[in-house]
Protein backbone atom coordinates (compact mmCIF):
# COMPACT_ATOMS: atom_id res chain seq x y z
CA MET A 1 -278.88 -236.69 116.31
CA ILE A 2 -279.23 -239.39 118.90
CA ALA A 3 -276.66 -241.85 120.24
CA VAL A 4 -276.97 -245.34 118.81
CA THR A 5 -276.68 -246.69 122.36
CA GLN A 6 -279.73 -244.66 123.36
CA ALA A 7 -281.85 -245.33 120.25
CA LEU A 8 -281.04 -249.03 119.82
CA PRO A 9 -279.48 -250.40 123.03
CA ASP A 10 -280.26 -254.06 122.25
CA LEU A 11 -278.61 -253.82 118.83
CA VAL A 12 -275.52 -252.20 120.35
CA ARG A 13 -275.19 -254.90 123.01
CA ASP A 14 -275.47 -257.63 120.37
CA LEU A 15 -272.94 -255.89 118.11
CA GLU A 16 -270.46 -255.37 120.95
CA SER A 17 -270.54 -259.04 121.82
CA ALA A 18 -270.24 -260.10 118.18
CA LEU A 19 -267.35 -257.70 117.51
CA VAL A 20 -265.36 -259.09 120.43
CA HIS A 21 -266.18 -262.64 119.28
CA ILE A 22 -264.81 -262.01 115.75
CA GLY A 23 -261.68 -260.27 117.05
CA ARG A 24 -262.79 -256.68 116.31
CA GLY A 25 -263.03 -255.42 119.87
CA ASP A 26 -261.21 -252.31 118.64
CA MET A 27 -264.52 -251.11 117.19
CA VAL A 28 -266.55 -251.40 120.41
CA ASP A 29 -265.54 -247.97 121.76
CA GLN A 30 -266.48 -246.32 118.49
CA LEU A 31 -269.85 -248.06 118.49
CA ARG A 32 -270.53 -246.69 121.98
CA GLU A 33 -269.81 -243.09 121.01
CA VAL A 34 -271.44 -242.68 117.58
CA SER A 35 -274.75 -240.97 116.94
CA ILE A 36 -277.25 -241.55 114.17
CA GLU A 37 -276.88 -238.59 111.83
CA ARG A 38 -279.62 -239.88 109.52
CA TRP A 39 -281.07 -243.18 108.44
CA SER A 40 -282.61 -244.58 105.32
CA TYR A 41 -284.51 -247.67 104.32
CA ASP A 42 -284.48 -249.50 101.00
CA ASP A 43 -287.82 -251.27 100.74
CA PHE A 44 -286.74 -253.33 97.70
CA ALA A 45 -283.67 -254.72 99.52
CA ASP A 46 -285.37 -254.66 102.94
CA ALA A 47 -282.28 -252.96 104.30
CA ALA A 48 -281.88 -250.19 106.87
CA TYR A 49 -278.86 -247.89 106.68
CA LEU A 50 -277.78 -245.96 109.76
CA HIS A 51 -275.44 -243.13 108.78
CA LEU A 52 -273.28 -242.31 111.77
CA ARG A 53 -271.45 -239.36 113.22
CA SER A 54 -268.67 -239.57 115.78
CA PRO A 55 -267.05 -236.96 117.99
CA ARG A 56 -263.82 -238.03 116.24
CA ASP A 57 -265.17 -237.04 112.81
CA LEU A 58 -263.57 -234.48 110.60
CA ASP A 59 -265.79 -231.64 109.51
CA ASN A 60 -268.20 -232.49 106.68
CA ALA A 61 -266.00 -231.07 103.89
CA ASP A 62 -263.01 -233.20 104.88
CA ARG A 63 -265.22 -236.26 105.34
CA ARG A 64 -266.69 -235.92 101.85
CA SER A 65 -263.25 -235.57 100.28
CA ILE A 66 -262.10 -238.84 101.88
CA GLY A 67 -265.24 -240.75 100.94
CA THR A 68 -265.36 -244.46 101.64
CA SER A 69 -262.70 -245.61 99.19
CA GLY A 70 -260.00 -247.48 101.03
CA GLY A 71 -262.35 -248.32 103.86
CA GLU A 72 -263.66 -251.72 104.78
CA THR A 73 -266.89 -253.52 105.51
CA VAL A 74 -267.01 -255.76 108.57
CA SER A 75 -269.71 -258.42 108.40
CA VAL A 76 -270.76 -258.97 111.97
CA TYR A 77 -273.65 -261.35 111.49
CA ASP A 78 -273.44 -263.01 108.10
CA GLU A 79 -276.61 -264.99 108.63
CA LEU A 80 -278.52 -261.93 109.87
CA GLY A 81 -276.95 -259.47 107.47
CA ILE A 82 -275.45 -256.77 109.67
CA ASN A 83 -272.46 -254.97 108.19
CA LEU A 84 -270.39 -252.15 109.64
CA GLU A 85 -268.73 -249.78 107.21
CA ILE A 86 -265.48 -248.08 108.13
CA ASP A 87 -263.92 -245.19 106.21
CA ALA A 88 -260.31 -244.96 105.05
CA CYS A 89 -259.33 -243.38 108.39
CA GLY A 90 -260.76 -246.28 110.41
CA ARG A 91 -263.90 -244.48 111.59
CA LEU A 92 -267.25 -246.24 111.81
CA ILE A 93 -269.51 -244.43 109.35
CA ARG A 94 -272.49 -246.68 108.61
CA ILE A 95 -274.39 -249.74 109.76
CA GLU A 96 -276.29 -251.77 107.19
CA ILE A 97 -279.00 -254.04 108.55
CA LEU A 98 -280.61 -256.46 106.12
CA GLY A 99 -284.16 -257.26 107.14
CA GLY A 100 -284.12 -253.92 108.94
CA LYS A 101 -287.81 -253.06 108.88
CA ALA A 102 -288.14 -253.51 112.66
CA ILE A 103 -285.19 -251.16 113.25
CA VAL A 104 -286.76 -248.53 111.00
CA SER A 105 -290.07 -248.90 112.84
CA ARG A 106 -288.32 -248.23 116.15
CA LEU A 107 -286.55 -245.20 114.71
CA ASP A 108 -289.80 -243.90 113.18
CA ARG A 109 -291.62 -244.20 116.48
CA GLY A 110 -288.80 -242.49 118.34
CA ALA A 111 -288.42 -245.61 120.48
CA TRP A 112 -285.74 -243.89 122.54
């Protein structure tokens, strides 16, 4: 696992600014501490999915039992298609990036 801030510092800076701008500054600290547990790319949708892990996370068994029902999706950049998914306990669990081929390329190359 690698910290999102280390792997994709430009994305994190942009997201921090956008979160404060839309009144969701409460999520900035979480964004700074999460790591990329795994990532996937949907070629058909041209979407990258960063699955995140936080030091605040429950163990995997508890996390699976909670799932994402009752969570929320925060659209940070509607025109760019960046969405943050939060679980029912308020933890940041995933970032969806539409048009995410460049992000995937950076992750593939180990740009960090």
